[in-house]
Structures are given as structure tokens and as C-alpha cells.
N, C-alpha and C. Protein backbone atom coordinates (compact mmCIF):
# COMPACT_ATOMS: atom_id res chain seq x y z
N MET A 1 114.52 114.75 78.11
CA MET A 1 113.21 114.73 78.79
C MET A 1 112.57 113.46 77.97
N SER A 2 112.49 113.81 76.59
CA SER A 2 111.51 113.45 75.66
C SER A 2 111.85 111.70 75.83
N ASP A 3 113.19 111.33 76.20
CA ASP A 3 113.60 110.00 76.47
C ASP A 3 112.77 109.05 77.69
N LEU A 4 112.23 110.06 78.46
CA LEU A 4 111.67 109.38 79.72
C LEU A 4 110.88 108.56 79.37
N PRO A 5 110.59 107.37 80.22
CA PRO A 5 109.21 106.85 79.86
C PRO A 5 108.02 107.48 80.17
N GLU A 6 106.76 107.10 79.46
CA GLU A 6 105.58 107.67 80.12
C GLU A 6 105.04 107.28 81.43
N ARG A 7 104.33 107.58 81.85
CA ARG A 7 103.72 107.02 83.10
C ARG A 7 102.73 105.95 82.69
N VAL A 8 102.95 105.04 83.73
CA VAL A 8 101.97 103.81 83.45
C VAL A 8 100.94 103.94 83.92
N ASP A 9 99.68 103.52 83.13
CA ASP A 9 98.56 103.41 83.28
C ASP A 9 98.16 102.28 84.11
N ARG A 10 97.96 102.94 85.28
CA ARG A 10 97.88 101.68 86.32
C ARG A 10 96.26 100.73 86.09
N ARG A 11 95.48 101.31 85.24
CA ARG A 11 94.71 100.39 84.69
C ARG A 11 94.80 99.58 83.84
N GLN A 12 96.15 99.50 83.11
CA GLN A 12 96.49 98.31 82.05
C GLN A 12 97.43 97.50 82.83
N LEU A 13 97.84 97.57 84.11
CA LEU A 13 98.72 96.45 84.67
C LEU A 13 97.93 95.27 84.91
N ARG A 14 98.87 94.34 85.06
CA ARG A 14 98.42 92.93 85.29
C ARG A 14 97.68 92.92 86.39
N ALA A 15 96.57 92.23 86.82
CA ALA A 15 95.96 91.99 87.73
C ALA A 15 96.79 90.59 88.62
N SER A 16 96.70 90.40 90.06
CA SER A 16 97.13 89.41 90.43
C SER A 16 95.97 88.20 90.77
N ASP A 17 96.17 87.10 91.57
CA ASP A 17 95.03 86.20 91.80
C ASP A 17 94.53 86.84 92.87
N ALA A 18 95.39 87.34 93.62
CA ALA A 18 94.78 88.08 95.24
C ALA A 18 93.82 89.48 94.99
N ASP A 19 94.03 90.17 93.55
CA ASP A 19 93.19 91.15 93.12
C ASP A 19 92.10 90.53 92.57
N ARG A 20 91.99 89.28 91.91
CA ARG A 20 90.90 88.84 91.52
C ARG A 20 90.04 88.40 92.42
N GLU A 21 90.46 87.80 93.75
CA GLU A 21 89.86 87.30 94.82
C GLU A 21 89.41 88.31 95.84
N ARG A 22 89.85 89.62 95.75
CA ARG A 22 89.31 91.02 96.49
C ARG A 22 88.09 91.33 95.88
N VAL A 23 88.10 91.05 94.43
CA VAL A 23 87.06 91.38 93.64
C VAL A 23 85.92 90.51 93.81
N ALA A 24 86.29 89.43 93.82
CA ALA A 24 85.02 87.70 93.64
C ALA A 24 84.31 88.27 95.14
N GLU A 25 85.31 88.54 96.35
CA GLU A 25 84.51 88.82 97.49
C GLU A 25 83.78 89.90 97.54
N VAL A 26 83.68 90.89 96.82
CA VAL A 26 82.89 92.02 96.84
C VAL A 26 81.47 91.40 96.14
N LEU A 27 81.90 90.65 95.01
CA LEU A 27 80.89 90.33 94.15
C LEU A 27 79.99 89.39 95.27
N ARG A 28 80.69 88.46 95.76
CA ARG A 28 79.63 87.47 96.73
C ARG A 28 78.90 88.30 97.88
N THR A 29 79.37 89.34 98.05
CA THR A 29 79.04 89.79 99.33
C THR A 29 77.73 90.67 98.75
N SER A 30 77.61 91.40 97.56
CA SER A 30 76.95 92.01 96.99
C SER A 30 75.80 91.13 96.73
N ALA A 31 75.73 89.76 96.50
CA ALA A 31 74.82 88.82 96.27
C ALA A 31 74.20 88.44 97.39
N ALA A 32 74.95 88.26 98.69
CA ALA A 32 74.33 87.83 99.68
C ALA A 32 73.70 89.00 100.08
N GLU A 33 74.04 90.35 100.07
CA GLU A 33 72.80 91.58 100.33
C GLU A 33 71.58 91.69 99.35
N GLY A 34 71.38 90.70 98.33
CA GLY A 34 70.59 91.01 97.23
C GLY A 34 70.83 91.95 96.01
N ARG A 35 71.82 92.11 96.11
CA ARG A 35 72.07 93.36 94.96
C ARG A 35 72.75 92.76 93.63
N LEU A 36 72.82 91.31 93.58
CA LEU A 36 73.10 90.78 92.29
C LEU A 36 72.13 89.41 92.51
N ASP A 37 71.41 88.98 91.32
CA ASP A 37 71.16 87.54 91.51
C ASP A 37 71.93 86.49 91.06
N LEU A 38 71.87 85.27 91.27
CA LEU A 38 72.50 84.21 91.10
C LEU A 38 73.48 84.29 89.67
N GLY A 39 72.27 84.57 88.63
CA GLY A 39 72.79 84.22 87.52
C GLY A 39 73.96 85.35 87.24
N GLU A 40 73.58 86.93 87.56
CA GLU A 40 74.71 88.13 87.57
C GLU A 40 75.69 87.56 88.26
N LEU A 41 75.70 86.95 89.22
CA LEU A 41 77.09 86.55 90.25
C LEU A 41 77.71 85.63 89.39
N ASP A 42 77.34 84.74 88.88
CA ASP A 42 77.81 83.50 88.16
C ASP A 42 78.67 84.37 86.91
N GLU A 43 78.01 85.06 86.01
CA GLU A 43 78.46 85.70 85.11
C GLU A 43 79.67 86.69 85.38
N ARG A 44 79.31 87.48 86.67
CA ARG A 44 80.54 88.32 86.90
C ARG A 44 81.71 87.24 87.51
N LEU A 45 81.86 86.60 88.27
CA LEU A 45 82.65 85.45 88.74
C LEU A 45 83.32 85.12 87.85
N ARG A 46 82.86 84.32 86.52
CA ARG A 46 83.20 84.03 85.19
C ARG A 46 84.48 85.08 84.54
N ALA A 47 83.84 86.29 84.78
CA ALA A 47 84.61 87.65 84.00
C ALA A 47 86.01 87.74 85.07
N VAL A 48 85.64 87.81 86.11
CA VAL A 48 86.90 87.93 87.29
C VAL A 48 87.71 86.88 86.90
N TYR A 49 87.66 85.49 86.84
CA TYR A 49 88.72 84.54 86.77
C TYR A 49 89.08 84.74 85.44
N ALA A 50 88.52 85.17 84.38
CA ALA A 50 89.26 85.29 83.32
C ALA A 50 90.09 86.72 82.83
N SER A 51 90.07 87.49 83.91
CA SER A 51 90.27 88.79 83.37
C SER A 51 91.91 88.93 83.66
N ARG A 52 92.84 89.89 83.11
CA ARG A 52 93.90 90.04 83.06
C ARG A 52 94.46 91.20 83.60
N THR A 53 93.96 92.35 83.42
CA THR A 53 94.50 93.79 83.93
C THR A 53 93.30 94.36 84.78
N TYR A 54 93.69 95.42 85.24
CA TYR A 54 92.59 96.13 86.46
C TYR A 54 91.58 96.64 85.68
N ALA A 55 91.79 97.12 84.22
CA ALA A 55 90.77 97.63 83.36
C ALA A 55 89.67 96.52 82.90
N ASP A 56 90.36 95.39 83.29
CA ASP A 56 89.15 94.10 83.10
C ASP A 56 88.14 94.09 84.38
N LEU A 57 88.99 94.21 85.27
CA LEU A 57 88.22 94.19 86.60
C LEU A 57 87.36 95.37 87.02
N GLU A 58 87.68 96.60 86.72
CA GLU A 58 86.74 97.62 87.30
C GLU A 58 85.41 97.67 86.75
N PRO A 59 85.04 97.47 85.43
CA PRO A 59 83.71 97.40 84.99
C PRO A 59 82.79 96.36 85.92
N LEU A 60 83.37 95.40 86.66
CA LEU A 60 82.40 94.39 87.24
C LEU A 60 81.91 94.87 88.63
N LEU A 61 82.46 95.78 88.90
CA LEU A 61 82.34 96.69 90.41
C LEU A 61 81.48 98.11 90.10
N VAL A 62 81.46 98.35 89.07
CA VAL A 62 80.92 100.21 88.38
C VAL A 62 79.60 100.30 89.31
N ASP A 63 78.49 99.11 89.21
CA ASP A 63 77.31 99.55 89.48
C ASP A 63 77.32 99.36 91.22
N LEU A 64 78.29 98.70 91.87
CA LEU A 64 78.22 98.09 93.28
C LEU A 64 78.70 98.88 94.22
N PRO A 65 78.29 99.02 95.40
CA PRO A 65 78.83 100.11 96.46
C PRO A 65 80.24 99.40 97.08
N THR A 66 81.37 99.84 96.84
CA THR A 66 82.73 99.89 97.37
C THR A 66 83.24 100.84 98.13
N PRO A 67 84.35 100.57 98.70
CA PRO A 67 84.90 101.27 99.85
C PRO A 67 85.75 102.59 99.03
N SER A 68 86.10 102.06 97.77
CA SER A 68 86.48 103.16 97.16
C SER A 68 86.16 103.21 95.85
N THR A 69 86.69 104.33 94.79
CA THR A 69 86.23 103.93 93.65
C THR A 69 87.52 103.38 92.65
N THR A 70 88.15 103.22 93.76
CA THR A 70 89.66 102.18 92.96
C THR A 70 89.78 100.80 94.03
N PRO A 71 88.77 99.93 94.13
CA PRO A 71 88.75 99.04 95.31
C PRO A 71 90.01 97.95 94.94
N VAL A 72 90.75 97.79 93.95
CA VAL A 72 91.63 96.98 93.97
C VAL A 72 92.98 97.43 94.07
N ALA A 73 93.85 96.91 95.32
CA ALA A 73 95.27 97.60 95.49
C ALA A 73 95.72 96.55 94.75
N LEU A 74 97.00 97.36 94.28
CA LEU A 74 98.23 96.61 93.68
C LEU A 74 98.85 95.87 94.60
N ASP A 75 99.12 94.85 93.98
CA ASP A 75 99.87 93.60 94.73
C ASP A 75 101.05 94.12 95.00
N GLY A 76 101.43 93.95 96.44
CA GLY A 76 102.77 94.56 97.27
C GLY A 76 102.87 95.80 97.48
N VAL A 77 101.65 96.68 97.23
CA VAL A 77 101.68 98.36 97.87
C VAL A 77 100.89 98.25 98.97
N PRO A 78 100.80 98.38 100.05
CA PRO A 78 100.05 98.87 101.22
C PRO A 78 98.97 99.47 100.66
N PRO A 79 97.89 99.15 101.10
CA PRO A 79 96.54 100.20 100.65
C PRO A 79 96.29 101.39 101.42
N ARG A 80 95.61 102.10 101.15
CA ARG A 80 95.28 103.20 102.44
C ARG A 80 93.84 102.85 102.91
N PRO A 81 93.78 103.42 104.49
CA PRO A 81 92.56 103.43 104.60
C PRO A 81 91.36 104.15 103.81
N GLY A 82 90.30 103.10 103.55
CA GLY A 82 89.29 103.55 102.95
C GLY A 82 89.22 102.59 101.45
N GLU A 83 90.44 102.28 101.08
CA GLU A 83 90.58 100.93 99.79
C GLU A 83 90.15 99.87 100.30
N VAL A 84 89.95 99.67 101.87
CA VAL A 84 89.52 98.37 102.25
C VAL A 84 88.39 98.33 103.09
N ALA A 85 87.55 97.44 102.93
CA ALA A 85 86.41 97.94 103.51
C ALA A 85 86.55 97.18 105.17
N GLU A 86 85.78 97.81 106.04
CA GLU A 86 86.30 97.52 107.45
C GLU A 86 85.74 96.03 107.76
N HIS A 87 84.49 96.08 107.04
CA HIS A 87 83.57 94.64 107.19
C HIS A 87 83.49 93.93 106.07
N SER A 88 83.83 92.74 105.87
CA SER A 88 83.40 91.85 104.67
C SER A 88 83.24 90.57 105.42
N GLY A 89 82.93 89.62 104.11
CA GLY A 89 82.76 88.18 104.58
C GLY A 89 82.78 87.38 103.32
N ALA A 90 82.44 85.97 103.96
CA ALA A 90 82.11 85.00 102.77
C ALA A 90 81.30 83.98 103.48
N ILE A 91 80.40 83.59 102.24
CA ILE A 91 79.45 82.25 102.88
C ILE A 91 79.73 81.12 101.46
N ALA A 92 79.58 79.95 102.26
CA ALA A 92 79.68 78.83 101.60
C ALA A 92 78.52 77.90 101.72
N VAL A 93 77.68 77.77 100.76
CA VAL A 93 76.40 77.09 101.02
C VAL A 93 76.76 75.77 100.08
N MET A 94 76.88 74.57 100.82
CA MET A 94 77.14 73.47 99.90
C MET A 94 78.22 73.74 99.02
N SER A 95 79.23 74.33 99.43
CA SER A 95 80.37 74.88 98.28
C SER A 95 81.41 75.26 99.06
N GLY A 96 82.58 76.09 98.92
CA GLY A 96 83.74 76.45 99.54
C GLY A 96 83.96 77.76 99.22
N PHE A 97 85.04 78.47 100.12
CA PHE A 97 85.40 79.67 99.71
C PHE A 97 86.86 79.52 100.40
N HIS A 98 87.72 80.44 99.92
CA HIS A 98 88.97 80.48 100.25
C HIS A 98 89.35 81.77 100.41
N ARG A 99 90.25 82.36 101.56
CA ARG A 99 90.88 83.48 101.32
C ARG A 99 92.30 83.48 101.68
N ARG A 100 92.93 83.70 100.89
CA ARG A 100 94.77 83.25 101.02
C ARG A 100 95.25 84.36 100.09
N GLY A 101 96.79 84.03 100.17
CA GLY A 101 97.54 84.93 99.40
C GLY A 101 97.84 86.16 100.10
N ALA A 102 98.29 87.29 99.45
CA ALA A 102 98.50 88.63 99.41
C ALA A 102 97.17 89.51 99.78
N TRP A 103 96.34 88.81 100.35
CA TRP A 103 94.85 89.81 100.36
C TRP A 103 95.24 90.79 101.69
N VAL A 104 94.19 91.92 101.59
CA VAL A 104 93.98 92.53 103.03
C VAL A 104 92.96 92.40 103.72
N PRO A 105 92.81 91.66 104.73
CA PRO A 105 92.06 91.40 105.77
C PRO A 105 91.30 92.96 106.13
N PRO A 106 89.93 92.91 106.63
CA PRO A 106 89.29 94.00 106.90
C PRO A 106 89.13 93.85 108.25
N ARG A 107 88.85 94.54 109.20
CA ARG A 107 88.74 95.00 110.65
C ARG A 107 88.00 93.74 111.19
N LEU A 108 86.69 93.12 110.48
CA LEU A 108 85.70 92.51 110.72
C LEU A 108 85.86 91.56 109.50
N PHE A 109 85.87 90.27 109.87
CA PHE A 109 85.71 89.32 108.60
C PHE A 109 84.28 88.09 108.99
N THR A 110 83.23 87.90 108.65
CA THR A 110 82.30 87.31 108.93
C THR A 110 82.19 86.10 108.17
N CYS A 111 81.87 84.75 108.31
CA CYS A 111 82.09 83.89 107.33
C CYS A 111 81.14 82.87 107.78
N LEU A 112 80.27 82.28 106.78
CA LEU A 112 79.37 80.80 107.36
C LEU A 112 79.74 79.91 106.18
N ALA A 113 80.13 78.33 107.09
CA ALA A 113 79.93 77.39 106.37
C ALA A 113 78.59 76.44 106.25
N PHE A 114 77.97 76.36 105.22
CA PHE A 114 76.63 75.38 105.75
C PHE A 114 76.72 74.48 104.70
N TRP A 115 76.87 73.05 105.29
CA TRP A 115 77.06 71.90 104.32
C TRP A 115 78.22 72.22 103.04
N GLY A 116 79.28 72.89 103.92
CA GLY A 116 80.37 73.28 103.05
C GLY A 116 81.77 73.58 103.90
N GLY A 117 82.53 74.24 103.30
CA GLY A 117 83.95 74.57 103.66
C GLY A 117 84.69 75.64 103.78
N GLY A 118 85.68 76.13 104.40
CA GLY A 118 86.13 77.62 104.04
C GLY A 118 87.36 77.54 104.49
N THR A 119 88.56 78.44 104.13
CA THR A 119 89.57 78.65 104.62
C THR A 119 90.16 79.99 104.65
N ILE A 120 90.72 80.34 105.93
CA ILE A 120 91.13 81.82 106.05
C ILE A 120 92.35 81.50 106.33
N ASP A 121 93.24 81.93 105.21
CA ASP A 121 94.91 81.99 105.33
C ASP A 121 95.58 82.90 105.65
N LEU A 122 95.85 83.46 106.74
CA LEU A 122 96.70 85.04 106.79
C LEU A 122 98.02 84.78 107.02
N ARG A 123 98.52 83.61 106.65
CA ARG A 123 99.93 83.62 106.44
C ARG A 123 100.75 85.06 105.53
N ASP A 124 100.32 85.15 104.34
CA ASP A 124 100.66 86.12 103.60
C ASP A 124 99.84 87.17 103.36
N ALA A 125 98.97 87.52 104.41
CA ALA A 125 98.07 88.87 104.48
C ALA A 125 98.93 89.85 104.80
N ARG A 126 98.37 90.79 104.11
CA ARG A 126 98.87 92.36 104.30
C ARG A 126 97.96 93.17 105.32
N PHE A 127 98.15 93.24 106.68
CA PHE A 127 97.27 93.58 107.79
C PHE A 127 97.38 95.44 107.49
N LEU A 128 96.47 95.87 107.05
CA LEU A 128 95.87 97.33 107.03
C LEU A 128 95.82 97.81 108.49
N TYR A 129 94.93 96.97 109.24
CA TYR A 129 94.58 97.21 110.35
C TYR A 129 95.53 96.24 111.58
N GLY A 130 95.46 96.79 112.94
CA GLY A 130 96.13 95.95 113.61
C GLY A 130 95.37 95.11 114.57
N ASP A 131 94.02 95.21 114.25
CA ASP A 131 93.14 93.76 115.08
C ASP A 131 92.37 93.71 113.80
N LEU A 132 92.37 92.26 114.06
CA LEU A 132 91.12 91.19 113.17
C LEU A 132 90.28 90.69 113.90
N LYS A 133 88.80 90.83 113.72
CA LYS A 133 88.08 90.09 114.17
C LYS A 133 87.41 88.96 113.01
N ILE A 134 87.63 87.52 113.41
CA ILE A 134 86.94 86.62 112.76
C ILE A 134 85.74 86.06 113.21
N ARG A 135 84.48 86.33 112.71
CA ARG A 135 83.31 85.67 113.02
C ARG A 135 82.99 84.46 112.24
N ALA A 136 83.03 83.19 112.74
CA ALA A 136 83.17 82.07 111.95
C ALA A 136 82.01 81.06 112.34
N PHE A 137 81.25 80.69 111.45
CA PHE A 137 79.98 80.29 111.96
C PHE A 137 80.03 78.59 111.13
N ALA A 138 80.21 77.75 111.49
CA ALA A 138 80.00 76.24 111.01
C ALA A 138 78.82 75.52 111.43
N VAL A 139 77.92 75.01 110.27
CA VAL A 139 76.67 74.39 110.60
C VAL A 139 76.75 73.45 109.32
N MET A 140 77.06 72.05 109.98
CA MET A 140 77.15 70.74 109.48
C MET A 140 78.53 71.28 108.46
N GLY A 141 79.22 71.80 108.85
CA GLY A 141 80.43 72.19 107.66
C GLY A 141 81.79 72.47 108.55
N GLY A 142 82.72 73.11 107.85
CA GLY A 142 83.86 73.40 108.61
C GLY A 142 84.61 74.30 108.16
N VAL A 143 85.36 75.39 108.79
CA VAL A 143 85.64 76.73 108.52
C VAL A 143 87.36 76.45 109.23
N ASP A 144 88.33 76.66 108.33
CA ASP A 144 89.81 76.57 108.78
C ASP A 144 90.55 77.69 108.82
N VAL A 145 90.97 78.20 109.87
CA VAL A 145 91.54 79.68 110.16
C VAL A 145 93.24 79.24 110.42
N ILE A 146 94.22 79.77 109.42
CA ILE A 146 95.38 79.38 109.49
C ILE A 146 95.87 81.00 109.79
N VAL A 147 96.43 81.03 110.95
CA VAL A 147 97.13 82.49 111.49
C VAL A 147 98.78 82.44 111.56
N PRO A 148 99.73 83.23 111.29
CA PRO A 148 100.79 83.52 111.36
C PRO A 148 101.37 83.08 112.81
N ASP A 149 102.79 82.48 112.83
CA ASP A 149 102.99 81.80 114.22
C ASP A 149 103.56 83.20 115.19
N ASP A 150 103.70 84.19 114.69
CA ASP A 150 103.95 85.30 115.62
C ASP A 150 102.94 86.11 116.02
N ALA A 151 101.80 85.84 115.60
CA ALA A 151 100.46 86.65 115.84
C ALA A 151 99.95 86.48 117.24
N GLU A 152 99.37 87.60 117.80
CA GLU A 152 98.38 87.62 118.95
C GLU A 152 97.22 86.81 118.73
N VAL A 153 96.68 85.77 119.26
CA VAL A 153 95.63 84.95 118.98
C VAL A 153 94.62 84.78 120.32
N ASP A 154 93.06 85.03 120.04
CA ASP A 154 92.41 85.13 120.91
C ASP A 154 91.33 83.85 120.28
N VAL A 155 90.86 83.16 120.97
CA VAL A 155 89.72 82.06 120.57
C VAL A 155 88.65 82.05 121.62
N SER A 156 87.42 82.52 121.21
CA SER A 156 86.34 82.49 122.08
C SER A 156 85.21 81.96 121.52
N GLY A 157 85.38 81.30 120.61
CA GLY A 157 84.05 80.68 119.88
C GLY A 157 83.61 79.28 120.76
N MET A 158 82.64 78.55 120.60
CA MET A 158 81.74 77.47 121.13
C MET A 158 81.52 76.36 120.39
N GLY A 159 81.20 75.11 120.58
CA GLY A 159 80.75 74.47 119.54
C GLY A 159 79.61 73.41 120.38
N ILE A 160 78.47 73.47 119.70
CA ILE A 160 77.60 72.39 119.95
C ILE A 160 77.28 71.32 119.40
N MET A 161 77.37 70.20 119.60
CA MET A 161 77.63 68.87 118.84
C MET A 161 78.52 69.18 117.49
N GLY A 162 79.49 70.19 117.98
CA GLY A 162 80.68 70.26 117.20
C GLY A 162 81.93 70.92 117.95
N GLY A 163 82.91 71.43 117.42
CA GLY A 163 84.18 71.33 117.91
C GLY A 163 84.48 72.85 117.23
N PHE A 164 85.01 73.64 118.40
CA PHE A 164 85.60 74.86 118.02
C PHE A 164 87.02 74.84 118.91
N ASP A 165 88.10 75.05 118.03
CA ASP A 165 89.59 74.65 118.52
C ASP A 165 89.89 75.88 119.35
N HIS A 166 90.33 75.72 120.31
CA HIS A 166 91.11 76.95 121.19
C HIS A 166 92.67 76.69 121.25
N GLY A 167 93.16 75.80 120.94
CA GLY A 167 94.63 75.50 120.95
C GLY A 167 95.56 76.47 120.45
N ALA A 168 95.36 77.48 119.44
CA ALA A 168 96.23 78.17 119.05
C ALA A 168 96.52 79.62 119.75
N ALA A 169 95.10 79.78 120.95
CA ALA A 169 94.95 81.11 121.49
C ALA A 169 96.34 81.11 122.55
N THR A 170 97.39 82.25 122.12
CA THR A 170 98.20 82.47 123.09
C THR A 170 98.64 83.71 122.58
N ALA A 171 99.77 84.54 123.48
CA ALA A 171 100.16 85.91 123.09
C ALA A 171 101.48 85.60 121.96
N GLY A 172 101.35 86.68 121.44
CA GLY A 172 102.27 86.51 120.02
C GLY A 172 103.94 87.58 120.11
N ARG A 173 104.16 87.90 119.22
CA ARG A 173 105.32 88.83 118.96
C ARG A 173 104.77 90.19 119.15
N HIS A 174 105.77 90.88 119.97
CA HIS A 174 105.31 92.56 120.12
C HIS A 174 105.16 93.25 118.72
N GLY A 175 104.07 93.98 118.32
CA GLY A 175 104.17 94.62 117.03
C GLY A 175 103.57 93.69 116.13
N ALA A 176 103.06 92.51 116.37
CA ALA A 176 102.30 91.48 115.43
C ALA A 176 100.83 91.87 115.55
N PRO A 177 100.14 91.58 114.70
CA PRO A 177 98.88 91.62 114.58
C PRO A 177 97.89 90.86 115.82
N ARG A 178 96.79 91.47 116.13
CA ARG A 178 95.85 90.33 116.93
C ARG A 178 94.84 90.17 116.15
N ILE A 179 94.51 89.06 116.40
CA ILE A 179 93.71 88.28 115.46
C ILE A 179 92.31 87.54 116.73
N VAL A 180 91.05 87.82 116.69
CA VAL A 180 90.46 87.03 117.57
C VAL A 180 89.37 86.39 116.78
N VAL A 181 89.22 85.31 116.90
CA VAL A 181 88.33 84.26 116.31
C VAL A 181 87.28 84.00 116.95
N THR A 182 85.96 84.23 116.69
CA THR A 182 84.57 83.71 117.79
C THR A 182 83.77 83.32 117.01
N GLY A 183 82.29 82.92 117.41
CA GLY A 183 81.55 82.34 116.45
C GLY A 183 81.15 81.37 117.19
N PHE A 184 80.44 80.10 116.21
CA PHE A 184 80.07 78.95 116.95
C PHE A 184 79.72 77.76 115.79
N ALA A 185 80.24 76.78 116.30
CA ALA A 185 80.01 75.51 115.29
C ALA A 185 78.98 74.51 115.85
N PHE A 186 78.10 74.15 114.83
CA PHE A 186 76.87 73.19 115.20
C PHE A 186 76.95 72.20 114.27
N TRP A 187 77.29 71.00 114.69
CA TRP A 187 77.27 69.82 113.64
C TRP A 187 78.67 70.04 113.10
N GLY A 188 79.36 70.73 113.12
CA GLY A 188 80.68 71.23 112.45
C GLY A 188 81.85 71.42 113.30
N GLY A 189 82.64 72.02 112.69
CA GLY A 189 83.78 72.33 113.27
C GLY A 189 84.63 73.67 112.78
N VAL A 190 85.32 74.31 113.66
CA VAL A 190 86.29 75.72 113.56
C VAL A 190 87.46 75.31 113.93
N THR A 191 88.36 75.28 113.45
CA THR A 191 89.82 74.94 113.40
C THR A 191 90.53 76.02 113.44
N VAL A 192 91.79 76.37 114.31
CA VAL A 192 92.38 77.43 114.46
C VAL A 192 93.80 77.09 114.53
N ARG A 193 94.66 77.15 113.49
CA ARG A 193 96.15 76.71 113.48
C ARG A 193 97.24 77.65 113.14
N ARG A 194 98.55 77.45 113.84
CA ARG A 194 99.40 78.43 113.89
C ARG A 194 100.54 77.73 112.74
N LYS A 195 101.02 78.56 111.76
CA LYS A 195 101.91 78.04 110.77
C LYS A 195 102.65 78.97 110.59
N GLU A 196 104.25 78.92 110.32
CA GLU A 196 105.24 79.79 110.02
C GLU A 196 104.44 80.60 108.34
N ARG A 197 105.10 81.63 108.33
CA ARG A 197 104.83 82.56 107.36
C ARG A 197 105.55 81.89 106.15
N ARG A 198 105.03 82.19 105.02
CA ARG A 198 105.26 81.48 103.88
C ARG A 198 106.48 82.47 103.18
N SER A 199 107.55 81.72 102.61
CA SER A 199 108.61 82.43 102.02
C SER A 199 108.11 82.41 100.67
N LYS A 200 108.84 83.38 100.03
CA LYS A 200 108.57 83.60 98.31
C LYS A 200 108.62 82.53 97.67
N ASP A 201 109.73 81.52 98.03
CA ASP A 201 109.25 80.22 96.97
C ASP A 201 107.97 79.34 97.17
N LYS A 202 107.90 79.19 98.51
CA LYS A 202 106.69 78.69 99.07
C LYS A 202 105.54 79.10 98.69
N ARG A 203 105.42 80.49 98.52
CA ARG A 203 104.04 80.96 97.75
C ARG A 203 103.77 80.51 96.32
N LYS A 204 104.98 80.32 95.67
CA LYS A 204 105.01 79.57 94.47
C LYS A 204 104.04 78.24 94.02
N ASP A 205 103.93 77.62 95.32
CA ASP A 205 103.73 76.05 95.13
C ASP A 205 101.99 76.28 95.17
N LYS A 206 101.46 77.28 94.92
CA LYS A 206 99.96 77.26 94.61
C LYS A 206 98.90 76.74 95.89
N TYR A 207 99.64 76.75 97.06
CA TYR A 207 98.57 76.46 98.29
C TYR A 207 98.28 74.98 98.17
N LYS A 208 99.30 74.09 98.01
CA LYS A 208 98.96 72.51 98.09
C LYS A 208 98.46 72.44 99.49
N ASP A 209 97.61 71.25 99.52
CA ASP A 209 97.06 71.02 101.02
C ASP A 209 98.78 70.70 101.74
N GLU A 210 98.50 71.14 103.03
CA GLU A 210 99.42 70.77 104.02
C GLU A 210 99.04 70.31 105.35
N ASP A 211 99.39 69.07 105.55
CA ASP A 211 98.70 68.16 106.79
C ASP A 211 99.61 68.33 107.75
């Protein structure tokens, strides 16, 4: 028995890019709610992207409300209900945001792009909930939503002197996630595109632009 390896301390495991993005999302949401000022947000985001382990990430959220005391799920392991917020979002003001990779979408994701742009890529997402609603608002900016080709997609947004793409709305494979995209575009655009899920080899390509 003495030859058995000791139990691995989860906090010392290496964090993935998706883990860092989930923590960064909590920080940005907290800043939008007034819990962090811009200086604190910038300082913590620098620490997020310099982190190596879960132990590096945990102190950055210790004084912020999160769905769980362990908000970062191990990459490749489906999280439990309560470990992922049912509602989260992203804001890009003269900047950009990206949600992609093996991230876990909430039930409701609200995003705003004002003089900026954002990408929500769901091809590698690990769906904890069967339904996902995306509320996308583009004001003199753009939001690009990429959905798996087998998903059921319903688009109900509208464009005012802008465009809201409804072309991807169609039924999907039985058992696939249902994705609803709503919102509006004003002097901007919201696109919804279907693409094949990535293979493991393609995931290593660092998400180069695909036109």
C-alpha cells in the first residue's frame, strides 16, 4: 500500500486556456456590476493570463460571488450543476471578447458589442444544460455566433439599420443542444453560422480565422 501514489492535489493541477477564460469572464462580469474598478480588473486579468495552476486562479475570485467555491472545472470533466452560473455574459466597448474552446455555457448568455466585436464559438463547448439562450446586442459593432452543425437553432433577433442573420435557424439532430439567439443590431450586425465540430487536431490550431 505504501507504493500507491498519493492523491493528487487538484489545486496544483495545470489550468487550461478554457479555465483561464472562465475566470476572466467572472472578473469582467464583476466589473460590469461595479464590484471591481477598472484598475483592479486590469490587475487581476493580467494575473489570470499569467497563471499556471488552479492554486494561482483561486485567490483572484476569493472575494467575489461565484456559483461555487470551486468555480473552475477541470478541463474534460463535465461540471456539476452549481459549478456553472445559469446566467453570465460579456461586454466589448471599443474592444473585443471571445468565448471558445472547451468552455461551459450557462443557460443564458448576454453580450454587448459597442464599437467593438465579439465571438461566441460553441463547437467545442461542453453543454451542461440542454438549452442555451444568447441575447446579443450589437451597437455599431458585431457579434459572431458559431454553432455546431448538429444543433437545433432558433434565431429571433432583429436589425435596425443593421443586420441580424437568421440563415442558420433550423432543426438539429435529436438529442443535440437547442440554441436560441435573440437581441438586436443597431448600425451593426449579429451573424449566426453553422460549422462542423472541431477534431482534436483542429483544436490545436489556436482558432485561426476561418472565412
